[in-house]
Amino acid sequence: MFRRTFWFGAGAAAGVWATTKVNRTLRGLTPESLAARAADKAVDAGHRLRELAVDVRAGMTQRERELNEALGLANDPDAPAPTYLSAAPSPRVLPGSRPQAERGLPRRTIGKEDH
């Protein structure tokens, strides 16, 4: 009698454990849960990218300082900081020439083709 009670209890415990495990897994696979997990991973990736950008910027500044010292260039503290991303210069117009639109030529567009 004791053996039957033991195996009945072990089977009931295994059934409860399996049911709990399956329900927990199913709750983790709902669309809301998957979306929350993806959002958390995206936020974490953003934080890591920001940390990488800060580290790269600090390394660039340090290397620039090292190169300036090695080349003997003095930094003027009153001078404005250099801008590395400047606007593209405007195209040159030769004296006496007219822009394309005035000459009656079609304007060229890069990457756009008429089909």
C-alpha atoms as a PDB file:
ATOM      1  CA  MET A   1       0.000   0.000   0.000  1.00  0.00           C
ATOM      2  CA  PHE A   2       2.844   2.354   0.854  1.00  0.00           C
ATOM      3  CA  ARG A   3       4.456   1.865  -2.600  1.00  0.00           C
ATOM      4  CA  ARG A   4       1.252   2.780  -4.378  1.00  0.00           C
ATOM      5  CA  THR A   5       0.866   5.942  -2.300  1.00  0.00           C
ATOM      6  CA  PHE A   6       4.496   6.896  -2.974  1.00  0.00           C
ATOM      7  CA  TRP A   7       4.179   6.469  -6.749  1.00  0.00           C
ATOM      8  CA  PHE A   8       0.823   8.264  -6.782  1.00  0.00           C
ATOM      9  CA  GLY A   9       2.392  11.224  -4.940  1.00  0.00           C
ATOM     10  CA  ALA A  10       5.454  11.217  -7.235  1.00  0.00           C
ATOM     11  CA  GLY A  11       3.205  11.160 -10.310  1.00  0.00           C
ATOM     12  CA  ALA A  12       1.039  13.993  -8.979  1.00  0.00           C
ATOM     13  CA  ALA A  13       4.134  16.083  -8.174  1.00  0.00           C
ATOM     14  CA  ALA A  14       5.560  15.446 -11.655  1.00  0.00           C
ATOM     15  CA  GLY A  15       2.240  16.438 -13.219  1.00  0.00           C
ATOM     16  CA  VAL A  16       2.090  19.679 -11.216  1.00  0.00           C
ATOM     17  CA  TRP A  17       5.710  20.474 -12.094  1.00  0.00           C
ATOM     18  CA  ALA A  18       5.151  19.780 -15.822  1.00  0.00           C
ATOM     19  CA  THR A  19       1.936  21.812 -15.906  1.00  0.00           C
ATOM     20  CA  THR A  20       3.631  24.752 -14.196  1.00  0.00           C
ATOM     21  CA  LYS A  21       6.583  24.566 -16.571  1.00  0.00           C
ATOM     22  CA  VAL A  22       4.358  24.450 -19.680  1.00  0.00           C
ATOM     23  CA  ASN A  23       2.180  27.345 -18.481  1.00  0.00           C
ATOM     24  CA  ARG A  24       5.247  29.472 -17.703  1.00  0.00           C
ATOM     25  CA  THR A  25       6.678  28.760 -21.168  1.00  0.00           C
ATOM     26  CA  LEU A  26       3.377  29.594 -22.866  1.00  0.00           C
ATOM     27  CA  ARG A  27       3.143  32.886 -20.956  1.00  0.00           C
ATOM     28  CA  GLY A  28       6.657  33.727 -22.158  1.00  0.00           C
ATOM     29  CA  LEU A  29       5.641  33.189 -25.785  1.00  0.00           C
ATOM     30  CA  THR A  30       2.682  35.574 -25.856  1.00  0.00           C
ATOM     31  CA  PRO A  31       2.993  38.533 -28.249  1.00  0.00           C
ATOM     32  CA  GLU A  32       3.109  41.014 -25.358  1.00  0.00           C
ATOM     33  CA  SER A  33       5.920  39.111 -23.666  1.00  0.00           C
ATOM     34  CA  LEU A  34       7.898  38.782 -26.898  1.00  0.00           C
ATOM     35  CA  ALA A  35       7.452  42.495 -27.651  1.00  0.00           C
ATOM     36  CA  ALA A  36       8.600  43.467 -24.155  1.00  0.00           C
ATOM     37  CA  ARG A  37      11.642  41.231 -24.435  1.00  0.00           C
ATOM     38  CA  ALA A  38      12.534  42.666 -27.866  1.00  0.00           C
ATOM     39  CA  ALA A  39      12.122  46.222 -26.557  1.00  0.00           C
ATOM     40  CA  ASP A  40      14.397  45.487 -23.612  1.00  0.00           C
ATOM     41  CA  LYS A  41      17.057  44.074 -25.923  1.00  0.00           C
ATOM     42  CA  ALA A  42      16.791  47.105 -28.212  1.00  0.00           C
ATOM     43  CA  VAL A  43      17.229  49.476 -25.266  1.00  0.00           C
ATOM     44  CA  ASP A  44      20.239  47.494 -24.055  1.00  0.00           C
ATOM     45  CA  ALA A  45      21.769  47.586 -27.543  1.00  0.00           C
ATOM     46  CA  GLY A  46      21.222  51.354 -27.669  1.00  0.00           C
ATOM     47  CA  HIS A  47      23.009  51.802 -24.352  1.00  0.00           C
ATOM     48  CA  ARG A  48      25.935  49.696 -25.561  1.00  0.00           C
ATOM     49  CA  LEU A  49      26.156  51.690 -28.801  1.00  0.00           C
ATOM     50  CA  ARG A  50      26.149  54.966 -26.861  1.00  0.00           C
ATOM     51  CA  GLU A  51      28.941  53.686 -24.615  1.00  0.00           C
ATOM     52  CA  LEU A  52      30.907  52.642 -27.708  1.00  0.00           C
ATOM     53  CA  ALA A  53      30.447  56.081 -29.275  1.00  0.00           C
ATOM     54  CA  VAL A  54      31.630  57.787 -26.079  1.00  0.00           C
ATOM     55  CA  ASP A  55      34.695  55.521 -25.927  1.00  0.00           C
ATOM     56  CA  VAL A  56      35.513  56.127 -29.599  1.00  0.00           C
ATOM     57  CA  ARG A  57      35.115  59.892 -29.200  1.00  0.00           C
ATOM     58  CA  ALA A  58      37.384  59.872 -26.130  1.00  0.00           C
ATOM     59  CA  GLY A  59      39.968  57.818 -28.017  1.00  0.00           C
ATOM     60  CA  MET A  60      39.820  60.192 -30.989  1.00  0.00           C
ATOM     61  CA  THR A  61      40.350  63.199 -28.731  1.00  0.00           C
ATOM     62  CA  GLN A  62      43.255  61.537 -26.964  1.00  0.00           C
ATOM     63  CA  ARG A  63      44.888  60.502 -30.248  1.00  0.00           C
ATOM     64  CA  GLU A  64      44.402  63.978 -31.708  1.00  0.00           C
ATOM     65  CA  ARG A  65      46.083  65.463 -28.650  1.00  0.00           C
ATOM     66  CA  GLU A  66      48.985  62.996 -29.022  1.00  0.00           C
ATOM     67  CA  LEU A  67      49.402  63.835 -32.710  1.00  0.00           C
ATOM     68  CA  ASN A  68      49.279  67.580 -32.040  1.00  0.00           C
ATOM     69  CA  GLU A  69      51.969  67.211 -29.387  1.00  0.00           C
ATOM     70  CA  ALA A  70      54.114  65.027 -31.681  1.00  0.00           C
ATOM     71  CA  LEU A  71      53.805  67.525 -34.552  1.00  0.00           C
ATOM     72  CA  GLY A  72      54.394  70.511 -32.314  1.00  0.00           C
ATOM     73  CA  LEU A  73      51.051  72.104 -33.070  1.00  0.00           C
ATOM     74  CA  ALA A  74      49.806  74.486 -30.407  1.00  0.00           C
ATOM     75  CA  ASN A  75      46.134  74.557 -29.564  1.00  0.00           C
ATOM     76  CA  ASP A  76      44.617  78.005 -29.170  1.00  0.00           C
ATOM     77  CA  PRO A  77      41.989  77.804 -26.408  1.00  0.00           C
ATOM     78  CA  ASP A  78      40.099  80.792 -27.903  1.00  0.00           C
ATOM     79  CA  ALA A  79      39.845  79.235 -31.379  1.00  0.00           C
ATOM     80  CA  PRO A  80      36.562  77.550 -32.277  1.00  0.00           C
ATOM     81  CA  ALA A  81      36.485  73.783 -32.307  1.00  0.00           C
ATOM     82  CA  PRO A  82      37.013  72.229 -35.742  1.00  0.00           C
ATOM     83  CA  THR A  83      33.963  70.882 -37.487  1.00  0.00           C
ATOM     84  CA  TYR A  84      34.587  67.628 -39.247  1.00  0.00           C
ATOM     85  CA  LEU A  85      31.201  67.357 -40.937  1.00  0.00           C
ATOM     86  CA  SER A  86      30.877  70.481 -43.003  1.00  0.00           C
ATOM     87  CA  ALA A  87      28.443  71.210 -45.786  1.00  0.00           C
ATOM     88  CA  ALA A  88      29.529  70.381 -49.315  1.00  0.00           C
ATOM     89  CA  PRO A  89      30.922  73.390 -51.167  1.00  0.00           C
ATOM     90  CA  SER A  90      28.707  74.951 -53.773  1.00  0.00           C
ATOM     91  CA  PRO A  91      29.644  74.165 -57.378  1.00  0.00           C
ATOM     92  CA  ARG A  92      31.874  76.676 -59.118  1.00  0.00           C
ATOM     93  CA  VAL A  93      30.407  78.854 -61.818  1.00  0.00           C
ATOM     94  CA  LEU A  94      32.882  80.180 -64.340  1.00  0.00           C
ATOM     95  CA  PRO A  95      32.587  83.841 -65.255  1.00  0.00           C
ATOM     96  CA  GLY A  96      30.445  84.293 -68.341  1.00  0.00           C
ATOM     97  CA  SER A  97      28.834  80.860 -68.122  1.00  0.00           C
ATOM     98  CA  ARG A  98      25.207  80.179 -67.340  1.00  0.00           C
ATOM     99  CA  PRO A  99      23.761  77.487 -65.082  1.00  0.00           C
ATOM    100  CA  GLN A 100      22.412  74.317 -66.724  1.00  0.00           C
ATOM    101  CA  ALA A 101      18.783  75.312 -66.294  1.00  0.00           C
ATOM    102  CA  GLU A 102      19.329  78.566 -68.198  1.00  0.00           C
ATOM    103  CA  ARG A 103      21.111  76.804 -71.077  1.00  0.00           C
ATOM    104  CA  GLY A 104      18.088  74.615 -71.726  1.00  0.00           C
ATOM    105  CA  LEU A 105      19.871  71.425 -70.698  1.00  0.00           C
ATOM    106  CA  PRO A 106      18.010  68.854 -68.623  1.00  0.00           C
ATOM    107  CA  ARG A 107      19.022  68.649 -64.999  1.00  0.00           C
ATOM    108  CA  ARG A 108      20.902  65.509 -64.104  1.00  0.00           C
ATOM    109  CA  THR A 109      19.779  63.532 -61.106  1.00  0.00           C
ATOM    110  CA  ILE A 110      22.018  60.890 -59.652  1.00  0.00           C
ATOM    111  CA  GLY A 111      20.396  57.559 -58.938  1.00  0.00           C
ATOM    112  CA  LYS A 112      17.059  58.391 -60.562  1.00  0.00           C
ATOM    113  CA  GLU A 113      16.345  57.046 -63.988  1.00  0.00           C
ATOM    114  CA  ASP A 114      13.289  57.516 -66.140  1.00  0.00           C
ATOM    115  CA  HIS A 115      11.824  54.251 -67.393  1.00  0.00           C
END
